[in-house]
């Protein structure tokens, strides 16, 4: 008999009932150190006092009205995002998947309104993950994402990751945008080098193509800058955001320049829940905290500490680990064992990690993790790895 919850996940036998900072408490009382943060969602950890206050204050006042009316909390968050980023305008969604849908629509509508309706193709890359909607799976293109869900939405061109020649050759008079993650998350923590991101920006400019960045996982302070593309000194035309921006509340956004968004006039897109008072009240507090240069500097310091300790862990377990990769608090352990085995061993050691492709286990801790908690994380990962090392 099918479960009352559609069985699309192979769930771990864990039921968490409470969270405190970087810790999750299981129903039986065990305390797990959370290096997954809800897959990079709980950027400020669990039950952060400022977010709890923002939520409860807003919940006591007003939950929802719809986008038929002005929403002051939405305006406040949009203003903060425009102030701190390349963007001139913001549309709020409930998830990264919805952000992908709008980003693709925005790029195609841009060229339609410029009198070039044939420019509909979006170039994407192997290993990408852009959500599980029809556009998201078509953009990724992998068999794992698309098998059984045809016919696929047309208009996506898939290229090998890091193949500059293929990218240059693929751009033609049908191309409207290039869509890329500055750091692939689901794809196995694969960063796009700064030089490549700069080259991509130059290529888009040369051909009049829009650059769409998917910063759903790598954005909102995770790399030690507010957004990962800032390290390369470039700006996109359109950017997808979600996960960390809500600090655990379902919230996403599409950020864009005025030019890129020029086709999105009244009636071209909408959302019943997107940008609701609850989500935006929380998102505004997230921005207040994470956009602070001192907070980001501390993320950079702790990221360096975590990476240093992980390099030592890898050296201590050469039969389990191959290397560390990634940036900031978005790190991956390239494994010589099945990633699922390490994740399961972590459960036994009461530490949470997240599997990814390319034989990688992701470490995406709250940005608020302390030095002492980083040390404890290494201890528990060492225990987990030790249980997998051949005798």
Protein backbone atom coordinates (compact mmCIF):
# COMPACT_ATOMS: atom_id res chain seq x y z
CA UNK A 1 0.00 0.00 0.00
CA UNK A 2 1.34 3.42 -0.92
CA UNK A 3 2.33 5.77 1.88
CA UNK A 4 0.09 8.74 2.62
CA UNK A 5 3.21 10.81 1.84
CA UNK A 6 4.08 10.25 -1.82
CA UNK A 7 7.22 8.05 -1.67
CA UNK A 8 9.51 10.12 -3.91
CA UNK A 9 12.23 10.28 -1.24
CA UNK A 10 14.29 7.52 0.35
CA UNK A 11 14.15 9.11 3.77
CA UNK A 12 16.61 8.46 6.57
CA UNK A 13 15.08 6.89 9.70
CA UNK A 14 15.41 10.15 11.62
CA UNK A 15 12.71 12.46 12.95
CA UNK A 16 13.95 15.81 14.16
CA UNK A 17 11.71 17.69 16.57
CA UNK A 18 13.79 20.74 17.44
CA UNK A 19 16.68 22.80 16.18
CA UNK A 20 19.13 25.03 18.02
CA UNK A 21 21.72 26.89 15.95
CA UNK A 22 23.87 24.24 14.26
CA UNK A 23 22.16 21.39 16.12
CA UNK A 24 19.17 19.16 15.42
CA UNK A 25 17.48 17.20 18.19
CA UNK A 26 15.99 13.82 17.25
CA UNK A 27 12.73 12.60 18.78
CA UNK A 28 14.71 10.22 20.98
CA UNK A 29 16.84 13.07 22.36
CA UNK A 30 20.03 12.57 20.34
CA UNK A 31 21.79 15.79 19.24
CA UNK A 32 23.06 15.86 15.66
CA UNK A 33 25.52 18.45 14.39
CA UNK A 34 23.88 19.77 11.23
CA UNK A 35 26.33 20.25 8.35
CA UNK A 36 23.50 20.18 5.80
CA UNK A 37 21.42 23.14 6.99
CA UNK A 38 18.36 21.82 5.16
CA UNK A 39 20.46 21.75 1.93
CA UNK A 40 21.90 25.24 2.42
CA UNK A 41 18.57 26.71 3.52
CA UNK A 42 19.10 27.42 7.22
CA UNK A 43 21.85 29.95 6.58
CA UNK A 44 21.54 31.38 10.10
CA UNK A 45 20.99 28.04 11.78
CA UNK A 46 17.90 26.78 13.51
CA UNK A 47 15.61 29.06 15.53
CA UNK A 48 17.73 32.19 15.11
CA UNK A 49 16.24 34.72 17.56
CA UNK A 50 16.00 37.55 15.01
CA UNK A 51 14.14 35.34 12.55
CA UNK A 52 11.85 33.91 15.22
CA UNK A 53 10.94 37.46 16.24
CA UNK A 54 10.39 38.57 12.64
CA UNK A 55 8.11 35.60 12.04
CA UNK A 56 6.08 35.86 15.23
CA UNK A 57 5.69 39.65 15.01
CA UNK A 58 4.48 39.43 11.42
CA UNK A 59 2.31 36.38 12.09
CA UNK A 60 0.49 38.30 14.79
CA UNK A 61 -0.21 41.13 12.36
CA UNK A 62 -0.86 39.79 8.84
CA UNK A 63 -0.01 36.59 6.97
CA UNK A 64 -1.24 37.00 3.41
CA UNK A 65 -3.04 39.42 1.12
CA UNK A 66 -1.82 38.46 -2.42
CA UNK A 67 0.02 40.54 -4.97
CA UNK A 68 -3.16 42.39 -5.93
CA UNK A 69 -2.10 44.93 -3.29
CA UNK A 70 1.00 46.73 -2.07
CA UNK A 71 3.01 44.62 0.40
CA UNK A 72 5.30 46.80 2.53
CA UNK A 73 7.46 43.88 3.68
CA UNK A 74 8.03 42.88 0.05
CA UNK A 75 9.05 46.42 -0.84
CA UNK A 76 11.48 46.50 2.09
CA UNK A 77 13.20 43.27 1.05
CA UNK A 78 13.29 44.26 -2.62
CA UNK A 79 14.91 47.57 -1.69
CA UNK A 80 17.58 45.77 0.35
CA UNK A 81 18.36 43.35 -2.49
CA UNK A 82 18.61 46.17 -5.02
CA UNK A 83 20.84 48.15 -2.63
CA UNK A 84 23.29 45.29 -2.15
CA UNK A 85 23.38 43.71 -5.63
CA UNK A 86 23.59 44.44 -9.36
CA UNK A 87 19.80 44.28 -9.65
CA UNK A 88 17.34 47.05 -10.41
CA UNK A 89 14.23 44.99 -9.77
CA UNK A 90 13.10 41.82 -7.96
CA UNK A 91 10.23 39.35 -8.30
CA UNK A 92 9.56 37.11 -5.30
CA UNK A 93 8.80 33.40 -5.55
CA UNK A 94 8.45 30.54 -3.08
CA UNK A 95 11.35 28.40 -4.30
CA UNK A 96 14.36 28.09 -6.54
CA UNK A 97 12.32 26.04 -8.99
CA UNK A 98 9.87 28.90 -9.45
CA UNK A 99 12.79 31.29 -9.83
CA UNK A 100 14.08 29.14 -12.69
CA UNK A 101 10.72 29.28 -14.44
CA UNK A 102 10.65 33.07 -14.35
CA UNK A 103 14.30 33.48 -15.31
CA UNK A 104 13.73 31.47 -18.50
CA UNK A 105 10.49 33.30 -19.28
CA UNK A 106 12.17 36.66 -18.70
CA UNK A 107 15.04 35.91 -21.07
CA UNK A 108 12.74 34.71 -23.85
CA UNK A 109 10.32 37.59 -23.41
CA UNK A 110 13.22 40.05 -23.60
CA UNK A 111 14.10 39.02 -27.13
CA UNK A 112 10.49 38.63 -28.19
CA UNK A 113 9.89 42.26 -27.30
CA UNK A 114 13.09 43.25 -29.10
CA UNK A 115 11.64 41.84 -32.32
CA UNK A 116 13.75 38.64 -32.21
CA UNK A 117 11.20 35.94 -31.30
CA UNK A 118 13.44 33.22 -32.75
CA UNK A 119 15.92 33.72 -29.89
CA UNK A 120 14.55 31.20 -27.42
CA UNK A 121 17.43 28.79 -26.76
CA UNK A 122 19.05 28.66 -23.31
CA UNK A 123 22.51 27.12 -23.03
CA UNK A 124 23.09 24.99 -19.91
CA UNK A 125 25.78 22.60 -18.68
CA UNK A 126 26.18 18.95 -17.72
CA UNK A 127 25.83 18.36 -13.99
CA UNK A 128 23.52 21.33 -13.53
CA UNK A 129 20.51 21.34 -11.25
CA UNK A 130 17.86 24.03 -11.71
CA UNK A 131 14.88 22.51 -9.93
CA UNK A 132 12.31 19.87 -10.80
CA UNK A 133 9.72 21.77 -12.82
CA UNK A 134 9.30 21.16 -16.55
CA UNK A 135 11.74 23.98 -17.35
CA UNK A 136 14.13 22.94 -14.56
CA UNK A 137 14.51 19.33 -15.68
CA UNK A 138 14.71 20.31 -19.33
CA UNK A 139 17.46 22.77 -18.43
CA UNK A 140 19.44 20.08 -16.58
CA UNK A 141 18.80 17.48 -19.25
CA UNK A 142 20.23 14.48 -17.41
CA UNK A 143 18.53 11.09 -17.70
CA UNK A 144 18.14 10.97 -13.93
CA UNK A 145 16.06 14.16 -14.03
CA UNK A 146 14.13 13.62 -17.26
CA UNK A 147 13.49 9.87 -17.71
CA UNK A 148 9.77 9.18 -17.91
CA UNK A 149 8.73 12.83 -17.96
CA UNK A 150 8.68 13.51 -21.71
CA UNK A 151 8.00 15.26 -23.91
CA UNK A 152 10.53 17.71 -22.54
CA UNK A 153 10.19 21.45 -22.83
CA UNK A 154 12.23 22.41 -25.89
CA UNK A 155 14.73 25.23 -26.23
CA UNK A 156 17.64 24.06 -24.08
CA UNK A 157 21.13 23.30 -25.38
CA UNK A 158 23.28 21.12 -23.10
CA UNK A 159 27.06 21.44 -23.14
CA UNK A 160 29.90 19.69 -21.30
CA UNK A 161 30.92 21.45 -18.11
CA UNK A 162 34.01 23.59 -18.67
CA UNK A 163 34.21 23.13 -22.45
CA UNK A 164 34.96 26.69 -23.65
CA UNK A 165 35.18 25.74 -27.32
CA UNK A 166 31.80 24.02 -27.24
CA UNK A 167 30.26 27.06 -25.59
CA UNK A 168 31.66 29.46 -28.18
CA UNK A 169 30.47 27.22 -31.00
CA UNK A 170 26.99 26.79 -29.53
CA UNK A 171 26.01 30.46 -29.42
CA UNK A 172 24.02 31.38 -32.52
CA UNK A 173 21.14 33.56 -33.66
CA UNK A 174 18.67 31.40 -31.68
CA UNK A 175 20.47 31.84 -28.32
CA UNK A 176 18.80 34.05 -25.76
CA UNK A 177 20.74 33.18 -22.60
CA UNK A 178 23.41 31.14 -20.90
CA UNK A 179 22.31 29.67 -17.56
CA UNK A 180 24.96 28.50 -15.10
CA UNK A 181 25.60 27.90 -11.41
CA UNK A 182 28.80 29.65 -10.19
CA UNK A 183 29.23 26.51 -8.07
CA UNK A 184 27.30 23.38 -8.97
CA UNK A 185 25.69 21.97 -5.84
CA UNK A 186 23.80 18.80 -6.76
CA UNK A 187 26.41 18.26 -9.46
CA UNK A 188 29.09 17.64 -6.85
CA UNK A 189 30.38 21.02 -5.57
CA UNK A 190 32.04 21.98 -8.85
CA UNK A 191 33.08 25.66 -8.85
CA UNK A 192 33.29 27.60 -12.08
CA UNK A 193 36.69 29.33 -11.96
CA UNK A 194 36.59 33.12 -11.76
CA UNK A 195 38.38 33.39 -15.10
CA UNK A 196 35.67 31.24 -16.72
CA UNK A 197 32.89 33.34 -15.23
CA UNK A 198 34.60 36.48 -16.54
CA UNK A 199 35.03 34.85 -19.93
CA UNK A 200 31.37 33.88 -19.96
CA UNK A 201 30.35 37.45 -19.22
CA UNK A 202 32.55 38.71 -22.05
CA UNK A 203 31.14 36.10 -24.44
CA UNK A 204 27.55 37.02 -23.57
CA UNK A 205 28.32 40.69 -24.10
CA UNK A 206 30.02 39.98 -27.42
CA UNK A 207 26.98 38.13 -28.76
CA UNK A 208 24.26 40.17 -27.04
CA UNK A 209 23.17 37.15 -24.97
CA UNK A 210 21.78 37.37 -21.43
CA UNK A 211 23.72 35.75 -18.59
CA UNK A 212 21.54 34.01 -16.01
CA UNK A 213 23.19 32.90 -12.79
CA UNK A 214 21.62 30.26 -10.57
CA UNK A 215 22.71 31.22 -7.05
CA UNK A 216 19.96 29.29 -5.32
CA UNK A 217 22.49 27.18 -3.39
CA UNK A 218 25.72 29.18 -3.55
CA UNK A 219 24.22 32.60 -2.80
CA UNK A 220 23.24 34.56 0.32
CA UNK A 221 26.62 34.57 2.01
CA UNK A 222 27.51 30.92 1.51
CA UNK A 223 30.88 31.63 -0.13
CA UNK A 224 31.81 34.56 2.12
CA UNK A 225 30.44 37.17 -0.28
CA UNK A 226 26.75 38.01 -0.47
CA UNK A 227 26.67 36.24 -3.85
CA UNK A 228 29.29 33.92 -5.31
CA UNK A 229 29.69 35.78 -8.61
CA UNK A 230 31.09 38.78 -6.72
CA UNK A 231 34.42 36.95 -6.34
CA UNK A 232 34.88 37.11 -10.13
CA UNK A 233 34.03 40.81 -10.33
CA UNK A 234 31.21 40.28 -12.81
CA UNK A 235 27.46 40.82 -12.73
CA UNK A 236 24.70 38.79 -14.40
CA UNK A 237 21.64 40.11 -16.20
CA UNK A 238 19.28 37.81 -14.31
CA UNK A 239 19.87 35.83 -11.11
CA UNK A 240 17.91 33.07 -9.41
CA UNK A 241 17.87 33.13 -5.60
CA UNK A 242 16.17 30.99 -2.94
CA UNK A 243 17.21 28.68 -0.06
CA UNK A 244 19.24 30.91 2.29
CA UNK A 245 17.29 34.10 1.57
CA UNK A 246 14.40 32.84 3.71
CA UNK A 247 16.54 31.35 6.47
CA UNK A 248 14.25 28.31 6.52
CA UNK A 249 11.01 29.95 5.38
CA UNK A 250 10.03 29.11 1.77
CA UNK A 251 11.19 32.14 -0.18
CA UNK A 252 12.86 32.74 -3.52
CA UNK A 253 13.48 35.61 -5.90
CA UNK A 254 14.55 36.58 -9.38
CA UNK A 255 16.85 39.59 -9.51
CA UNK A 256 17.36 41.44 -12.79
CA UNK A 257 18.64 44.58 -14.43
CA UNK A 258 16.04 47.02 -15.72
CA UNK A 259 16.97 46.12 -19.29
CA UNK A 260 16.72 42.34 -18.83
CA UNK A 261 13.35 42.70 -17.10
CA UNK A 262 11.94 45.11 -19.66
CA UNK A 263 9.57 42.56 -21.17
CA UNK A 264 7.95 41.63 -17.87
CA UNK A 265 5.05 44.07 -17.76
CA UNK A 266 1.74 43.82 -15.88
CA UNK A 267 0.07 40.47 -16.48
CA UNK A 268 3.13 38.63 -17.85
CA UNK A 269 3.87 36.73 -14.64
CA UNK A 270 2.37 36.21 -11.21
CA UNK A 271 2.35 34.29 -7.94
CA UNK A 272 -0.34 33.94 -5.30
CA UNK A 273 2.04 33.33 -2.39
CA UNK A 274 5.26 34.83 -3.72
CA UNK A 275 6.45 37.81 -1.70
CA UNK A 276 3.93 37.31 1.09
CA UNK A 277 4.32 39.39 4.28
CA UNK A 278 5.56 36.44 6.37
CA UNK A 279 8.33 35.37 4.02
CA UNK A 280 9.51 38.87 3.22
CA UNK A 281 9.58 39.98 6.86
CA UNK A 282 11.96 37.10 7.54
CA UNK A 283 13.97 37.67 4.36
CA UNK A 284 14.53 41.31 5.30
CA UNK A 285 16.05 40.26 8.61
CA UNK A 286 18.21 37.66 6.86
CA UNK A 287 19.55 40.42 4.61
CA UNK A 288 20.19 42.73 7.57
CA UNK A 289 22.42 40.07 9.15
CA UNK A 290 24.14 38.43 6.19
CA UNK A 291 24.83 41.56 4.11
CA UNK A 292 26.84 43.04 6.99
CA UNK A 293 30.52 43.11 5.92
CA UNK A 294 31.62 41.98 9.39
CA UNK A 295 29.35 38.93 9.19
CA UNK A 296 30.69 38.02 5.74
CA UNK A 297 34.29 38.48 6.92
CA UNK A 298 33.60 36.04 9.74
CA UNK A 299 32.14 33.55 7.27
CA UNK A 300 35.37 33.79 5.27
CA UNK A 301 37.49 33.24 8.40
CA UNK A 302 35.49 30.22 9.55
CA UNK A 303 35.41 28.82 6.02
CA UNK A 304 39.21 28.83 5.93
CA UNK A 305 39.31 27.09 9.31
CA UNK A 306 36.83 24.44 8.20
CA UNK A 307 38.69 23.80 4.96
CA UNK A 308 42.02 23.48 6.76
CA UNK A 309 40.59 20.92 9.14
CA UNK A 310 38.91 19.02 6.31
CA UNK A 311 42.21 18.79 4.44
CA UNK A 312 43.64 17.15 7.54
CA UNK A 313 40.68 14.77 7.69
CA UNK A 314 41.23 13.76 4.07
CA UNK A 315 44.92 13.13 4.75
CA UNK A 316 44.00 10.96 7.74
CA UNK A 317 41.66 8.74 5.71
CA UNK A 318 43.23 8.17 2.28
CA UNK A 319 41.10 5.06 1.72
CA UNK A 320 37.88 7.07 2.20
CA UNK A 321 38.60 10.52 0.78
CA UNK A 322 40.24 11.86 -2.34
CA UNK A 323 40.07 15.64 -1.88
CA UNK A 324 38.21 18.72 -0.64
CA UNK A 325 36.66 21.15 -3.09
CA UNK A 326 34.31 24.10 -3.17
CA UNK A 327 34.33 27.57 -1.66
CA UNK A 328 33.33 29.18 1.60
CA UNK A 329 30.76 27.16 3.51
CA UNK A 330 29.89 25.21 0.37
CA UNK A 331 32.40 22.38 0.45
CA UNK A 332 32.52 18.86 -0.90
CA UNK A 333 34.40 15.77 0.17
CA UNK A 334 35.31 13.79 -2.94
CA UNK A 335 35.03 10.19 -1.78
CA UNK A 336 36.58 6.85 -2.68
CA UNK A 337 33.59 5.16 -1.07
CA UNK A 338 29.92 5.52 -1.98
CA UNK A 339 28.72 8.93 -0.74
CA UNK A 340 25.64 7.30 0.73
CA UNK A 341 27.85 5.11 2.91
CA UNK A 342 29.59 8.15 4.38
CA UNK A 343 26.29 9.94 4.94
CA UNK A 344 24.92 6.87 6.74
CA UNK A 345 28.10 6.57 8.81
CA UNK A 346 27.61 10.20 9.69
CA UNK A 347 24.15 9.47 11.01
CA UNK A 348 25.69 6.87 13.33
CA UNK A 349 28.23 9.50 14.45
CA UNK A 350 25.40 12.05 14.87
CA UNK A 351 26.55 14.43 12.14
CA UNK A 352 24.42 15.44 9.13
CA UNK A 353 25.87 15.70 5.62
CA UNK A 354 24.29 15.73 2.15
CA UNK A 355 25.15 13.48 -0.81
CA UNK A 356 25.76 14.83 -4.31
CA UNK A 357 26.82 13.63 -7.73
CA UNK A 358 30.40 12.82 -8.77
CA UNK A 359 30.99 10.76 -5.60
CA UNK A 360 30.83 13.85 -3.40
CA UNK A 361 29.39 14.48 0.04
CA UNK A 362 28.33 18.08 0.61
CA UNK A 363 29.06 20.13 3.73
CA UNK A 364 26.71 23.12 3.90
CA UNK A 365 26.72 24.17 7.57
CA UNK A 366 24.90 27.19 8.94
CA UNK A 367 26.99 30.31 8.38
CA UNK A 368 26.72 30.88 12.13
CA UNK A 369 28.58 27.68 13.07
CA UNK A 370 31.19 28.33 15.75
CA UNK A 371 34.88 27.39 15.87
CA UNK A 372 34.11 24.86 18.59
CA UNK A 373 31.34 23.33 16.49
CA UNK A 374 33.69 23.12 13.50
CA UNK A 375 36.15 21.19 15.68
CA UNK A 376 33.34 18.91 16.85
CA UNK A 377 32.23 18.39 13.25
CA UNK A 378 35.68 17.16 12.30
CA UNK A 379 35.72 14.80 15.28
CA UNK A 380 32.41 13.29 14.24
CA UNK A 381 33.37 13.08 10.56
CA UNK A 382 36.59 11.38 11.63
CA UNK A 383 34.54 8.81 13.54
CA UNK A 384 32.29 8.29 10.52
CA UNK A 385 35.24 7.89 8.15
CA UNK A 386 36.99 5.57 10.58
CA UNK A 387 34.03 3.22 10.52
CA UNK A 388 34.45 2.92 6.72
CA UNK A 389 38.21 2.46 6.66
CA UNK A 390 39.25 -1.15 5.92
CA UNK A 391 40.83 -2.87 8.94
